Each structure stands twice: as structure tokens, then as C-alpha cells.
Amino acid sequence: MALTPEGKVKAKVRRILDAHGVYYFMPATGGYGRSGILDIIGCYNEHFFGIECKAGKGTTTMLQERELQKIRDAGGRAIVVNENNIEDVQRMLQELG
């Protein structure tokens, strides 16, 4: 089965995280989780982070923006990436490392 454009972004992010031995998971809400939760949640070198993956000109929802801000307010890192700024994941890990 072919990946969606967003699925391709998520796969690239996972490869970067795996290469650095990062602990992370991808919450599956399926109607039971909290709306707006980010695509990838993790911890690296004692730092909590969240990553929202988008494709093309995809934009975050208001609920996702709320989650991004909650993570930042709590002292964690929260970023939004697409195929044009995937290097931001690497940059974030370097800053947290």
C-alpha cells in the first residue's frame, strides 16, 4: 500500500528519530483519545517533545495549535514539519542533545 504524502513525512521523521535512538510513540486516538494530539510524542535526553507532521501546504487545526502551545508552556519542544522543513527534526535533536 502506498503512503500518503503525510505518511511519507511521518516515515522520514521516524527514520531520523530511530537513527538517534529516540524514545517516541505515535498516539492513535480512534475516537478515544484527546482531539488535537500531535502525530509523534517523545522524549530525548530528558526533554519532552511533540511533532505534528503535515504535507504540502497542510496547516494545523486550532486543536493542534492548542496542543503545541501546551507542550511549549510546560517546557517541552513542539514543532510542525512537512517535506520542506524535515531538517527541523534533526536541528531539534541537536539542540536537545
Protein backbone atom coordinates (compact mmCIF):
# COMPACT_ATOMS: atom_id res chain seq x y z
CA MET A 1 0.00 0.00 0.00
CA ALA A 2 1.38 3.39 -0.97
CA LEU A 3 1.95 6.01 1.70
CA THR A 4 0.01 9.25 1.67
CA PRO A 5 2.07 12.45 1.34
CA GLU A 6 1.70 12.97 5.12
CA GLY A 7 2.61 9.33 5.68
CA LYS A 8 5.86 9.92 3.79
CA VAL A 9 6.69 12.85 6.08
CA LYS A 10 5.98 10.71 9.15
CA ALA A 11 8.20 7.93 7.78
CA LYS A 12 11.08 10.38 7.29
CA VAL A 13 10.64 11.72 10.81
CA ARG A 14 10.60 8.18 12.24
CA ARG A 15 13.83 7.33 10.39
CA ILE A 16 15.55 10.37 11.91
CA LEU A 17 14.28 9.56 15.40
CA ASP A 18 15.25 5.88 15.08
CA ALA A 19 18.75 6.81 13.89
CA HIS A 20 19.24 8.78 17.12
CA GLY A 21 17.75 6.14 19.42
CA VAL A 22 14.93 8.45 20.45
CA TYR A 23 12.01 7.18 22.55
CA TYR A 24 8.76 8.11 20.81
CA PHE A 25 5.29 6.87 20.01
CA MET A 26 2.50 7.77 17.65
CA PRO A 27 -0.79 8.09 19.55
CA ALA A 28 -3.80 6.50 17.90
CA THR A 29 -6.85 8.43 19.02
CA GLY A 30 -9.55 6.43 17.24
CA GLY A 31 -12.28 8.39 18.98
CA TYR A 32 -10.98 7.56 22.46
CA GLY A 33 -8.03 9.93 22.74
CA ARG A 34 -7.85 13.67 23.13
CA SER A 35 -8.61 15.64 19.98
CA GLY A 36 -5.71 17.61 18.54
CA ILE A 37 -2.97 15.39 19.95
CA LEU A 38 0.18 15.60 17.86
CA ASP A 39 1.34 12.85 15.50
CA ILE A 40 4.53 11.98 17.38
CA ILE A 41 5.24 12.31 21.10
CA GLY A 42 8.63 11.53 22.56
CA CYS A 43 11.50 12.14 24.92
CA TYR A 44 15.15 12.69 24.09
CA ASN A 45 17.93 13.40 26.58
CA GLU A 46 15.36 14.12 29.29
CA HIS A 47 13.45 16.54 27.05
CA PHE A 48 9.80 16.05 26.13
CA PHE A 49 8.77 16.87 22.57
CA GLY A 50 5.84 16.68 20.17
CA ILE A 51 5.90 16.72 16.38
CA GLU A 52 2.97 17.43 14.08
CA CYS A 53 3.53 16.20 10.52
CA LYS A 54 1.88 17.86 7.56
CA ALA A 55 2.19 17.50 3.80
CA GLY A 56 2.41 20.30 1.28
CA LYS A 57 0.60 23.38 2.46
CA GLY A 58 -1.31 21.48 5.15
CA THR A 59 -1.95 23.61 8.20
CA THR A 60 -2.56 22.77 11.82
CA THR A 61 -6.02 22.86 13.32
CA MET A 62 -6.91 25.07 16.26
CA LEU A 63 -6.86 21.98 18.49
CA GLN A 64 -3.37 21.06 17.28
CA GLU A 65 -2.20 24.63 17.88
CA ARG A 66 -3.56 24.37 21.42
CA GLU A 67 -1.58 21.15 21.99
CA LEU A 68 1.59 22.66 20.52
CA GLN A 69 1.28 25.62 22.87
CA LYS A 70 0.53 23.44 25.91
CA ILE A 71 3.72 21.48 25.30
CA ARG A 72 5.73 24.69 24.94
CA ASP A 73 4.13 26.19 28.06
CA ALA A 74 5.14 23.08 30.01
CA GLY A 75 8.77 23.47 28.93
CA GLY A 76 8.76 20.92 26.10
CA ARG A 77 9.60 21.32 22.44
CA ALA A 78 6.85 21.27 19.83
CA ILE A 79 7.37 21.58 16.11
CA VAL A 80 5.40 21.26 12.88
CA VAL A 81 7.21 19.70 9.93
CA ASN A 82 6.48 18.97 6.30
CA GLU A 83 8.61 17.78 3.41
CA ASN A 84 10.18 21.25 3.09
CA ASN A 85 11.50 21.58 6.66
CA ILE A 86 12.16 17.98 7.73
CA GLU A 87 15.65 19.09 8.80
CA ASP A 88 13.98 20.86 11.74
CA VAL A 89 13.70 17.44 13.42
CA GLN A 90 17.46 16.96 13.17
CA ARG A 91 18.03 20.51 14.38
CA MET A 92 15.72 19.99 17.37
CA LEU A 93 17.57 16.81 18.37
CA GLN A 94 20.93 18.59 18.13
CA GLU A 95 19.61 21.37 20.37
CA LEU A 96 18.28 18.83 22.88
CA GLY A 97 21.39 16.66 22.72
